[in-house]
Amino acid sequence: MIYTNPWRIATALCLPLLAAAPASAALVCNAAATPVQTVYFENDPNPTDDAWTVTISCTRGPTDPASTDYTLQADNGFNPIGNTNQAVNGNGQTNRIAYELYRTAPGNGAWGGTAATDFAGTINFGGALTASATHVFYSRIAAGLNKSAKLFSDTVTMRLRYDNGPGNVDAFPTFPVSINNQSVCLLSTPPGNIQFTYASFQLAAATASTAYAVRCTIGETYTMALDATAGNLLALNYNLALSNPTGQTGTGFPQNFTINGTIPGGQSGTCATGMCTSTQTRTLTITY
């Protein structure tokens, strides 16, 4: 007997199916603003206004849309008081200086922390993979603030919203603010004329004075001096003296002083007529 056992050889060939996965969105945007760096002078009667720029830059993938809408918001900084930005350097009101940011012009079109004050626009790529848009914004500091002479600082955080598909993540870039409040002294009320009336050989001294006021930045020390404290008019010797000859410290407000003059008695003077007049100019110097 012949036993046979038929069997088969089977071969299976696996061919994997390779399919391209759908491309994921690659749109990414961010914003960068120029640092706000300004110098403040308290004696300037006008607000301190400056212009700056902020740029929104985007990149996309080949399959991403050719444009994206965006809005850009700015908060009130690290040290707000209500809706007002403040740069600070220390404690107390003299160490805080208020400022504001605007979209349209200094004092108009606030750029703040609400949707109504956002920058808004559209980034158009065309056929490129990168594109950007730039906006001008403005800063304003009110005139006549009485603050310490120092460097004040703050940080403003922006919020950039744009359409980058599912899983949208806003960008939160920041920019620094620095305000340099310069020390300054000025004659808020200049001295007037000192006018003597004197008769030859009078026994009593003749006196006259003039008032003036100096305004200096808070904490700024200063001294005052005349170019001369004595002189001669019509052969009459006179003397001048400051009411406060020692050093002073500014308060941010006008400080009042006088220049006092004396012509000692017993002088004849020189006058060929019944009434004679003569003048000299003196200089008051404030050093700070």
C-alpha atoms as a PDB file:
ATOM      1  CA  MET A   1       0.000   0.000   0.000  1.00  0.00           C
ATOM      2  CA  ILE A   2       1.272   3.364  -0.880  1.00  0.00           C
ATOM      3  CA  TYR A   3       0.187   6.135   1.429  1.00  0.00           C
ATOM      4  CA  THR A   4       0.097   9.626   0.050  1.00  0.00           C
ATOM      5  CA  ASN A   5      -0.635  12.849   1.920  1.00  0.00           C
ATOM      6  CA  PRO A   6      -1.365  15.714  -0.445  1.00  0.00           C
ATOM      7  CA  TRP A   7      -0.442  19.151   0.865  1.00  0.00           C
ATOM      8  CA  ARG A   8      -0.142  22.598  -0.461  1.00  0.00           C
ATOM      9  CA  ILE A   9       2.397  25.317  -0.133  1.00  0.00           C
ATOM     10  CA  ALA A  10       0.746  28.712   0.322  1.00  0.00           C
ATOM     11  CA  THR A  11       2.554  32.007   0.129  1.00  0.00           C
ATOM     12  CA  ALA A  12       1.001  35.280   1.257  1.00  0.00           C
ATOM     13  CA  LEU A  13       2.429  38.607   0.133  1.00  0.00           C
ATOM     14  CA  CYS A  14       1.571  41.591   2.262  1.00  0.00           C
ATOM     15  CA  LEU A  15       1.712  44.898   0.546  1.00  0.00           C
ATOM     16  CA  PRO A  16       1.322  47.735   3.059  1.00  0.00           C
ATOM     17  CA  LEU A  17      -0.884  50.568   1.988  1.00  0.00           C
ATOM     18  CA  LEU A  18       0.970  53.800   2.324  1.00  0.00           C
ATOM     19  CA  ALA A  19      -1.211  56.872   2.440  1.00  0.00           C
ATOM     20  CA  ALA A  20      -0.127  60.383   3.151  1.00  0.00           C
ATOM     21  CA  ALA A  21      -1.491  61.824   6.393  1.00  0.00           C
ATOM     22  CA  PRO A  22      -3.268  65.132   6.048  1.00  0.00           C
ATOM     23  CA  ALA A  23      -0.964  68.060   6.649  1.00  0.00           C
ATOM     24  CA  SER A  24      -1.528  69.885   9.916  1.00  0.00           C
ATOM     25  CA  ALA A  25      -1.824  73.648  10.053  1.00  0.00           C
ATOM     26  CA  ALA A  26       1.487  75.407  10.562  1.00  0.00           C
ATOM     27  CA  LEU A  27       0.322  79.022  10.871  1.00  0.00           C
ATOM     28  CA  VAL A  28       2.195  80.822  13.666  1.00  0.00           C
ATOM     29  CA  CYS A  29       2.037  84.548  14.466  1.00  0.00           C
ATOM     30  CA  ASN A  30       3.698  86.788  17.030  1.00  0.00           C
ATOM     31  CA  ALA A  31       4.030  90.500  17.739  1.00  0.00           C
ATOM     32  CA  ALA A  32       6.999  92.675  18.667  1.00  0.00           C
ATOM     33  CA  ALA A  33       6.841  96.331  19.764  1.00  0.00           C
ATOM     34  CA  THR A  34       9.666  98.828  19.961  1.00  0.00           C
ATOM     35  CA  PRO A  35      10.541  99.564  23.607  1.00  0.00           C
ATOM     36  CA  VAL A  36       8.910 102.727  24.917  1.00  0.00           C
ATOM     37  CA  GLN A  37      11.821 104.848  26.146  1.00  0.00           C
ATOM     38  CA  THR A  38      11.059 108.508  26.760  1.00  0.00           C
ATOM     39  CA  VAL A  39      12.469 111.477  28.653  1.00  0.00           C
ATOM     40  CA  TYR A  40      10.163 113.647  30.742  1.00  0.00           C
ATOM     41  CA  PHE A  41      10.770 117.309  31.578  1.00  0.00           C
ATOM     42  CA  GLU A  42       8.510 118.732  34.276  1.00  0.00           C
ATOM     43  CA  ASN A  43       9.019 122.308  33.074  1.00  0.00           C
ATOM     44  CA  ASP A  44       7.553 121.541  29.639  1.00  0.00           C
ATOM     45  CA  PRO A  45       4.040 123.065  29.566  1.00  0.00           C
ATOM     46  CA  ASN A  46       2.928 120.531  26.928  1.00  0.00           C
ATOM     47  CA  PRO A  47       2.268 116.787  27.282  1.00  0.00           C
ATOM     48  CA  THR A  48       5.185 114.504  26.413  1.00  0.00           C
ATOM     49  CA  ASP A  49       4.122 112.633  23.254  1.00  0.00           C
ATOM     50  CA  ASP A  50       6.046 109.957  21.350  1.00  0.00           C
ATOM     51  CA  ALA A  51       5.369 107.477  18.530  1.00  0.00           C
ATOM     52  CA  TRP A  52       6.365 103.796  18.437  1.00  0.00           C
ATOM     53  CA  THR A  53       5.698 100.752  16.250  1.00  0.00           C
ATOM     54  CA  VAL A  54       4.403  97.223  16.737  1.00  0.00           C
ATOM     55  CA  THR A  55       4.776  94.524  14.058  1.00  0.00           C
ATOM     56  CA  ILE A  56       2.731  91.326  13.664  1.00  0.00           C
ATOM     57  CA  SER A  57       4.764  88.630  11.856  1.00  0.00           C
ATOM     58  CA  CYS A  58       3.329  85.314  10.632  1.00  0.00           C
ATOM     59  CA  THR A  59       4.584  82.137   8.965  1.00  0.00           C
ATOM     60  CA  ARG A  60       2.421  79.430   7.378  1.00  0.00           C
ATOM     61  CA  GLY A  61       2.669  76.018   5.815  1.00  0.00           C
ATOM     62  CA  PRO A  62       2.131  75.392   2.074  1.00  0.00           C
ATOM     63  CA  THR A  63      -1.398  74.116   2.655  1.00  0.00           C
ATOM     64  CA  ASP A  64      -2.460  76.877   5.071  1.00  0.00           C
ATOM     65  CA  PRO A  65      -4.791  79.666   3.970  1.00  0.00           C
ATOM     66  CA  ALA A  66      -3.244  82.650   2.228  1.00  0.00           C
ATOM     67  CA  SER A  67      -4.543  85.125   4.836  1.00  0.00           C
ATOM     68  CA  THR A  68      -5.490  85.376   8.482  1.00  0.00           C
ATOM     69  CA  ASP A  69      -7.369  87.986  10.502  1.00  0.00           C
ATOM     70  CA  TYR A  70      -5.913  89.216  13.779  1.00  0.00           C
ATOM     71  CA  THR A  71      -6.557  91.512  16.736  1.00  0.00           C
ATOM     72  CA  LEU A  72      -3.880  92.949  19.023  1.00  0.00           C
ATOM     73  CA  GLN A  73      -4.625  94.153  22.519  1.00  0.00           C
ATOM     74  CA  ALA A  74      -2.448  95.843  25.179  1.00  0.00           C
ATOM     75  CA  ASP A  75      -3.065  95.650  28.920  1.00  0.00           C
ATOM     76  CA  ASN A  76      -2.513  98.450  31.453  1.00  0.00           C
ATOM     77  CA  GLY A  77       0.925  97.250  32.459  1.00  0.00           C
ATOM     78  CA  PHE A  78       2.241  95.749  35.678  1.00  0.00           C
ATOM     79  CA  ASN A  79       1.268  98.729  37.870  1.00  0.00           C
ATOM     80  CA  PRO A  80      -2.177  99.969  36.788  1.00  0.00           C
ATOM     81  CA  ILE A  81      -4.329 102.326  38.765  1.00  0.00           C
ATOM     82  CA  GLY A  82      -7.807 101.768  37.367  1.00  0.00           C
ATOM     83  CA  ASN A  83      -7.400 101.894  33.588  1.00  0.00           C
ATOM     84  CA  THR A  84      -4.283 104.076  33.757  1.00  0.00           C
ATOM     85  CA  ASN A  85      -0.780 102.755  33.135  1.00  0.00           C
ATOM     86  CA  GLN A  86       1.906 103.626  35.658  1.00  0.00           C
ATOM     87  CA  ALA A  87       5.676 103.331  35.559  1.00  0.00           C
ATOM     88  CA  VAL A  88       7.191 103.060  39.035  1.00  0.00           C
ATOM     89  CA  ASN A  89      10.434 103.279  40.977  1.00  0.00           C
ATOM     90  CA  GLY A  90       9.759 102.930  44.683  1.00  0.00           C
ATOM     91  CA  ASN A  91       6.782 103.547  46.932  1.00  0.00           C
ATOM     92  CA  GLY A  92       4.478 106.557  47.154  1.00  0.00           C
ATOM     93  CA  GLN A  93       2.940 108.830  44.561  1.00  0.00           C
ATOM     94  CA  THR A  94       6.123 110.795  43.883  1.00  0.00           C
ATOM     95  CA  ASN A  95       7.672 107.521  42.690  1.00  0.00           C
ATOM     96  CA  ARG A  96       4.865 106.678  40.245  1.00  0.00           C
ATOM     97  CA  ILE A  97       4.382 108.382  36.899  1.00  0.00           C
ATOM     98  CA  ALA A  98       1.191 107.861  34.859  1.00  0.00           C
ATOM     99  CA  TYR A  99       1.192 107.408  31.090  1.00  0.00           C
ATOM    100  CA  GLU A 100      -1.236 106.195  28.425  1.00  0.00           C
ATOM    101  CA  LEU A 101      -1.019 104.378  25.074  1.00  0.00           C
ATOM    102  CA  TYR A 102      -3.055 105.281  21.975  1.00  0.00           C
ATOM    103  CA  ARG A 103      -3.748 103.782  18.525  1.00  0.00           C
ATOM    104  CA  THR A 104      -4.887 106.854  16.578  1.00  0.00           C
ATOM    105  CA  ALA A 105      -2.889 109.834  17.879  1.00  0.00           C
ATOM    106  CA  PRO A 106      -1.583 111.065  21.243  1.00  0.00           C
ATOM    107  CA  GLY A 107      -4.672 111.516  23.401  1.00  0.00           C
ATOM    108  CA  ASN A 108      -7.040 109.864  20.885  1.00  0.00           C
ATOM    109  CA  GLY A 109      -8.050 106.241  20.257  1.00  0.00           C
ATOM    110  CA  ALA A 110      -6.857 104.464  23.395  1.00  0.00           C
ATOM    111  CA  TRP A 111      -4.977 101.192  23.050  1.00  0.00           C
ATOM    112  CA  GLY A 112      -6.050  99.244  26.097  1.00  0.00           C
ATOM    113  CA  GLY A 113      -7.406  96.045  27.537  1.00  0.00           C
ATOM    114  CA  THR A 114     -10.790  95.830  25.781  1.00  0.00           C
ATOM    115  CA  ALA A 115     -11.826  94.500  22.381  1.00  0.00           C
ATOM    116  CA  ALA A 116     -13.091  97.945  21.383  1.00  0.00           C
ATOM    117  CA  THR A 117      -9.542  99.326  21.603  1.00  0.00           C
ATOM    118  CA  ASP A 118      -7.730  96.547  19.732  1.00  0.00           C
ATOM    119  CA  PHE A 119      -5.644  96.932  16.623  1.00  0.00           C
ATOM    120  CA  ALA A 120      -7.317  94.759  13.975  1.00  0.00           C
ATOM    121  CA  GLY A 121      -6.378  93.716  10.464  1.00  0.00           C
ATOM    122  CA  THR A 122      -5.575  90.927   8.017  1.00  0.00           C
ATOM    123  CA  ILE A 123      -2.239  89.340   7.200  1.00  0.00           C
ATOM    124  CA  ASN A 124      -2.096  88.542   3.461  1.00  0.00           C
ATOM    125  CA  PHE A 125       0.582  86.072   2.369  1.00  0.00           C
ATOM    126  CA  GLY A 126      -0.097  86.023  -1.350  1.00  0.00           C
ATOM    127  CA  GLY A 127       2.109  83.177  -2.536  1.00  0.00           C
ATOM    128  CA  ALA A 128       4.687  83.643   0.244  1.00  0.00           C
ATOM    129  CA  LEU A 129       5.045  81.652   3.453  1.00  0.00           C
ATOM    130  CA  THR A 130       5.865  84.707   5.601  1.00  0.00           C
ATOM    131  CA  ALA A 131       4.114  88.075   5.940  1.00  0.00           C
ATOM    132  CA  SER A 132       3.804  90.932   8.410  1.00  0.00           C
ATOM    133  CA  ALA A 133       1.844  94.078   9.250  1.00  0.00           C
ATOM    134  CA  THR A 134       3.044  97.122  11.202  1.00  0.00           C
ATOM    135  CA  HIS A 135       1.049  99.605  13.263  1.00  0.00           C
ATOM    136  CA  VAL A 136       2.086 102.902  14.848  1.00  0.00           C
ATOM    137  CA  PHE A 137       1.080 103.505  18.458  1.00  0.00           C
ATOM    138  CA  TYR A 138       1.578 106.530  20.699  1.00  0.00           C
ATOM    139  CA  SER A 139       2.453 107.301  24.306  1.00  0.00           C
ATOM    140  CA  ARG A 140       1.471 110.395  26.278  1.00  0.00           C
ATOM    141  CA  ILE A 141       2.532 111.738  29.682  1.00  0.00           C
ATOM    142  CA  ALA A 142       0.590 114.698  31.042  1.00  0.00           C
ATOM    143  CA  ALA A 143       2.422 117.972  31.657  1.00  0.00           C
ATOM    144  CA  GLY A 144       3.280 119.348  35.077  1.00  0.00           C
ATOM    145  CA  LEU A 145       3.610 116.154  37.110  1.00  0.00           C
ATOM    146  CA  ASN A 146       5.575 116.580  40.336  1.00  0.00           C
ATOM    147  CA  LYS A 147       7.630 113.401  40.541  1.00  0.00           C
ATOM    148  CA  SER A 148      11.021 112.294  41.798  1.00  0.00           C
ATOM    149  CA  ALA A 149      13.973 112.645  39.449  1.00  0.00           C
ATOM    150  CA  LYS A 150      14.701 109.042  38.513  1.00  0.00           C
ATOM    151  CA  LEU A 151      14.066 106.304  35.956  1.00  0.00           C
ATOM    152  CA  PHE A 152      10.547 104.823  36.084  1.00  0.00           C
ATOM    153  CA  SER A 153       9.755 101.456  34.474  1.00  0.00           C
ATOM    154  CA  ASP A 154       6.816  99.248  33.521  1.00  0.00           C
ATOM    155  CA  THR A 155       6.019  96.225  31.322  1.00  0.00           C
ATOM    156  CA  VAL A 156       3.028  96.010  28.986  1.00  0.00           C
ATOM    157  CA  THR A 157       1.647  92.635  27.877  1.00  0.00           C
ATOM    158  CA  MET A 158      -0.057  92.324  24.501  1.00  0.00           C
ATOM    159  CA  ARG A 159      -2.569  89.665  23.411  1.00  0.00           C
ATOM    160  CA  LEU A 160      -2.456  88.602  19.773  1.00  0.00           C
ATOM    161  CA  ARG A 161      -5.446  86.623  18.495  1.00  0.00           C
ATOM    162  CA  TYR A 162      -5.372  85.028  15.036  1.00  0.00           C
ATOM    163  CA  ASP A 163      -6.869  82.055  13.194  1.00  0.00           C
ATOM    164  CA  ASN A 164      -4.370  79.218  13.487  1.00  0.00           C
ATOM    165  CA  GLY A 165      -6.938  76.444  13.309  1.00  0.00           C
ATOM    166  CA  PRO A 166      -8.032  73.927  15.960  1.00  0.00           C
ATOM    167  CA  GLY A 167      -6.214  74.262  19.237  1.00  0.00           C
ATOM    168  CA  ASN A 168      -5.853  77.999  18.737  1.00  0.00           C
ATOM    169  CA  VAL A 169      -3.320  79.466  21.152  1.00  0.00           C
ATOM    170  CA  ASP A 170      -3.044  83.246  21.519  1.00  0.00           C
ATOM    171  CA  ALA A 171       0.374  84.900  21.756  1.00  0.00           C
ATOM    172  CA  PHE A 172       1.232  87.104  24.760  1.00  0.00           C
ATOM    173  CA  PRO A 173       4.378  89.108  23.924  1.00  0.00           C
ATOM    174  CA  THR A 174       5.545  92.001  26.130  1.00  0.00           C
ATOM    175  CA  PHE A 175       7.449  95.242  25.709  1.00  0.00           C
ATOM    176  CA  PRO A 176       9.226  97.444  28.288  1.00  0.00           C
ATOM    177  CA  VAL A 177       8.404 101.029  29.201  1.00  0.00           C
ATOM    178  CA  SER A 178      10.963 103.399  30.731  1.00  0.00           C
ATOM    179  CA  ILE A 179      10.439 107.079  31.587  1.00  0.00           C
ATOM    180  CA  ASN A 180      13.435 109.160  32.618  1.00  0.00           C
ATOM    181  CA  ASN A 181      12.231 112.085  34.722  1.00  0.00           C
ATOM    182  CA  GLN A 182      15.005 114.649  34.425  1.00  0.00           C
ATOM    183  CA  SER A 183      16.051 116.928  37.281  1.00  0.00           C
ATOM    184  CA  VAL A 184      15.196 120.515  36.467  1.00  0.00           C
ATOM    185  CA  CYS A 185      15.116 123.912  38.154  1.00  0.00           C
ATOM    186  CA  LEU A 186      13.610 127.060  36.700  1.00  0.00           C
ATOM    187  CA  LEU A 187      12.505 130.507  37.706  1.00  0.00           C
ATOM    188  CA  SER A 188       8.762 130.064  37.857  1.00  0.00           C
ATOM    189  CA  THR A 189       8.566 133.776  38.803  1.00  0.00           C
ATOM    190  CA  PRO A 190      11.611 135.801  37.677  1.00  0.00           C
ATOM    191  CA  PRO A 191      12.849 138.659  39.880  1.00  0.00           C
ATOM    192  CA  GLY A 192      11.687 142.154  39.002  1.00  0.00           C
ATOM    193  CA  ASN A 193      13.487 145.476  39.345  1.00  0.00           C
ATOM    194  CA  ILE A 194      14.923 146.742  42.608  1.00  0.00           C
ATOM    195  CA  GLN A 195      14.158 150.456  42.637  1.00  0.00           C
ATOM    196  CA  PHE A 196      15.758 152.752  45.233  1.00  0.00           C
ATOM    197  CA  THR A 197      14.721 156.275  46.109  1.00  0.00           C
ATOM    198  CA  TYR A 198      17.536 158.212  47.784  1.00  0.00           C
ATOM    199  CA  ALA A 199      18.185 161.815  48.827  1.00  0.00           C
ATOM    200  CA  SER A 200      21.749 163.077  49.251  1.00  0.00           C
ATOM    201  CA  PHE A 201      23.069 162.794  52.791  1.00  0.00           C
ATOM    202  CA  GLN A 202      19.909 161.156  54.125  1.00  0.00           C
ATOM    203  CA  LEU A 203      20.546 159.600  57.497  1.00  0.00           C
ATOM    204  CA  ALA A 204      18.508 156.384  57.147  1.00  0.00           C
ATOM    205  CA  ALA A 205      19.440 153.659  54.725  1.00  0.00           C
ATOM    206  CA  ALA A 206      17.268 153.253  51.648  1.00  0.00           C
ATOM    207  CA  THR A 207      15.923 149.759  51.141  1.00  0.00           C
ATOM    208  CA  ALA A 208      14.172 147.961  48.306  1.00  0.00           C
ATOM    209  CA  SER A 209      13.541 144.347  47.297  1.00  0.00           C
ATOM    210  CA  THR A 210      12.080 142.085  44.653  1.00  0.00           C
ATOM    211  CA  ALA A 211      10.432 138.680  44.972  1.00  0.00           C
ATOM    212  CA  TYR A 212      11.020 135.611  42.819  1.00  0.00           C
ATOM    213  CA  ALA A 213      10.151 131.916  42.897  1.00  0.00           C
ATOM    214  CA  VAL A 214      12.133 128.794  41.973  1.00  0.00           C
ATOM    215  CA  ARG A 215      10.593 125.463  41.057  1.00  0.00           C
ATOM    216  CA  CYS A 216      12.807 122.376  41.242  1.00  0.00           C
ATOM    217  CA  THR A 217      12.144 118.662  40.880  1.00  0.00           C
ATOM    218  CA  ILE A 218      11.292 116.859  44.122  1.00  0.00           C
ATOM    219  CA  GLY A 219      14.459 116.100  46.083  1.00  0.00           C
ATOM    220  CA  GLU A 220      16.734 118.120  43.804  1.00  0.00           C
ATOM    221  CA  THR A 221      19.209 120.241  45.789  1.00  0.00           C
ATOM    222  CA  TYR A 222      20.156 123.644  44.449  1.00  0.00           C
ATOM    223  CA  THR A 223      21.961 126.858  45.348  1.00  0.00           C
ATOM    224  CA  MET A 224      21.439 130.472  44.285  1.00  0.00           C
ATOM    225  CA  ALA A 225      23.984 133.250  43.855  1.00  0.00           C
ATOM    226  CA  LEU A 226      24.272 136.799  42.541  1.00  0.00           C
ATOM    227  CA  ASP A 227      27.082 137.828  40.213  1.00  0.00           C
ATOM    228  CA  ALA A 228      27.788 140.688  42.631  1.00  0.00           C
ATOM    229  CA  THR A 229      26.478 141.640  46.058  1.00  0.00           C
ATOM    230  CA  ALA A 230      27.651 145.248  45.900  1.00  0.00           C
ATOM    231  CA  GLY A 231      27.780 148.028  43.328  1.00  0.00           C
ATOM    232  CA  ASN A 232      27.718 151.760  42.718  1.00  0.00           C
ATOM    233  CA  LEU A 233      25.103 153.946  41.034  1.00  0.00           C
ATOM    234  CA  LEU A 234      25.488 157.730  40.804  1.00  0.00           C
ATOM    235  CA  ALA A 235      28.381 157.495  43.309  1.00  0.00           C
ATOM    236  CA  LEU A 236      26.028 155.742  45.752  1.00  0.00           C
ATOM    237  CA  ASN A 237      27.227 152.425  47.104  1.00  0.00           C
ATOM    238  CA  TYR A 238      24.573 149.735  47.395  1.00  0.00           C
ATOM    239  CA  ASN A 239      24.459 146.159  48.732  1.00  0.00           C
ATOM    240  CA  LEU A 240      22.380 143.143  47.686  1.00  0.00           C
ATOM    241  CA  ALA A 241      21.577 139.970  49.630  1.00  0.00           C
ATOM    242  CA  LEU A 242      19.500 136.830  49.012  1.00  0.00           C
ATOM    243  CA  SER A 243      16.819 136.042  51.575  1.00  0.00           C
ATOM    244  CA  ASN A 244      17.892 132.356  51.593  1.00  0.00           C
ATOM    245  CA  PRO A 245      21.597 132.159  50.744  1.00  0.00           C
ATOM    246  CA  THR A 246      22.058 128.528  51.808  1.00  0.00           C
ATOM    247  CA  GLY A 247      21.281 125.411  49.763  1.00  0.00           C
ATOM    248  CA  GLN A 248      17.675 124.452  49.103  1.00  0.00           C
ATOM    249  CA  THR A 249      15.825 121.222  48.246  1.00  0.00           C
ATOM    250  CA  GLY A 250      13.149 121.141  45.567  1.00  0.00           C
ATOM    251  CA  THR A 251       9.573 120.193  46.399  1.00  0.00           C
ATOM    252  CA  GLY A 252       8.170 120.114  42.869  1.00  0.00           C
ATOM    253  CA  PHE A 253       6.287 123.342  43.621  1.00  0.00           C
ATOM    254  CA  PRO A 254       7.402 127.010  43.481  1.00  0.00           C
ATOM    255  CA  GLN A 255       9.496 128.125  46.458  1.00  0.00           C
ATOM    256  CA  ASN A 256       9.457 131.862  47.212  1.00  0.00           C
ATOM    257  CA  PHE A 257      12.492 134.055  47.872  1.00  0.00           C
ATOM    258  CA  THR A 258      13.523 137.737  47.766  1.00  0.00           C
ATOM    259  CA  ILE A 259      16.549 139.788  46.781  1.00  0.00           C
ATOM    260  CA  ASN A 260      17.011 142.587  49.311  1.00  0.00           C
ATOM    261  CA  GLY A 261      18.911 145.811  48.567  1.00  0.00           C
ATOM    262  CA  THR A 262      20.299 148.600  50.769  1.00  0.00           C
ATOM    263  CA  ILE A 263      21.930 151.991  50.145  1.00  0.00           C
ATOM    264  CA  PRO A 264      23.586 153.081  53.401  1.00  0.00           C
ATOM    265  CA  GLY A 265      22.753 156.596  54.625  1.00  0.00           C
ATOM    266  CA  GLY A 266      25.088 159.581  54.666  1.00  0.00           C
ATOM    267  CA  GLN A 267      26.173 159.456  51.007  1.00  0.00           C
ATOM    268  CA  SER A 268      26.103 162.518  48.775  1.00  0.00           C
ATOM    269  CA  GLY A 269      25.920 160.835  45.387  1.00  0.00           C
ATOM    270  CA  THR A 270      26.453 162.648  42.081  1.00  0.00           C
ATOM    271  CA  CYS A 271      23.599 164.493  40.382  1.00  0.00           C
ATOM    272  CA  ALA A 272      23.803 167.754  38.405  1.00  0.00           C
ATOM    273  CA  THR A 273      20.038 168.226  38.265  1.00  0.00           C
ATOM    274  CA  GLY A 274      17.202 167.975  40.723  1.00  0.00           C
ATOM    275  CA  MET A 275      16.536 164.287  39.873  1.00  0.00           C
ATOM    276  CA  CYS A 276      18.947 161.722  38.422  1.00  0.00           C
ATOM    277  CA  THR A 277      18.465 158.055  37.538  1.00  0.00           C
ATOM    278  CA  SER A 278      20.855 155.232  36.668  1.00  0.00           C
ATOM    279  CA  THR A 279      20.592 151.470  36.258  1.00  0.00           C
ATOM    280  CA  GLN A 280      22.748 148.374  36.426  1.00  0.00           C
ATOM    281  CA  THR A 281      21.982 144.770  35.524  1.00  0.00           C
ATOM    282  CA  ARG A 282      22.714 141.956  37.935  1.00  0.00           C
ATOM    283  CA  THR A 283      22.527 138.180  37.279  1.00  0.00           C
ATOM    284  CA  LEU A 284      20.913 135.541  39.504  1.00  0.00           C
ATOM    285  CA  THR A 285      22.291 132.015  38.948  1.00  0.00           C
ATOM    286  CA  ILE A 286      20.614 128.796  40.104  1.00  0.00           C
ATOM    287  CA  THR A 287      22.914 125.783  40.271  1.00  0.00           C
ATOM    288  CA  TYR A 288      21.542 122.227  40.599  1.00  0.00           C
END
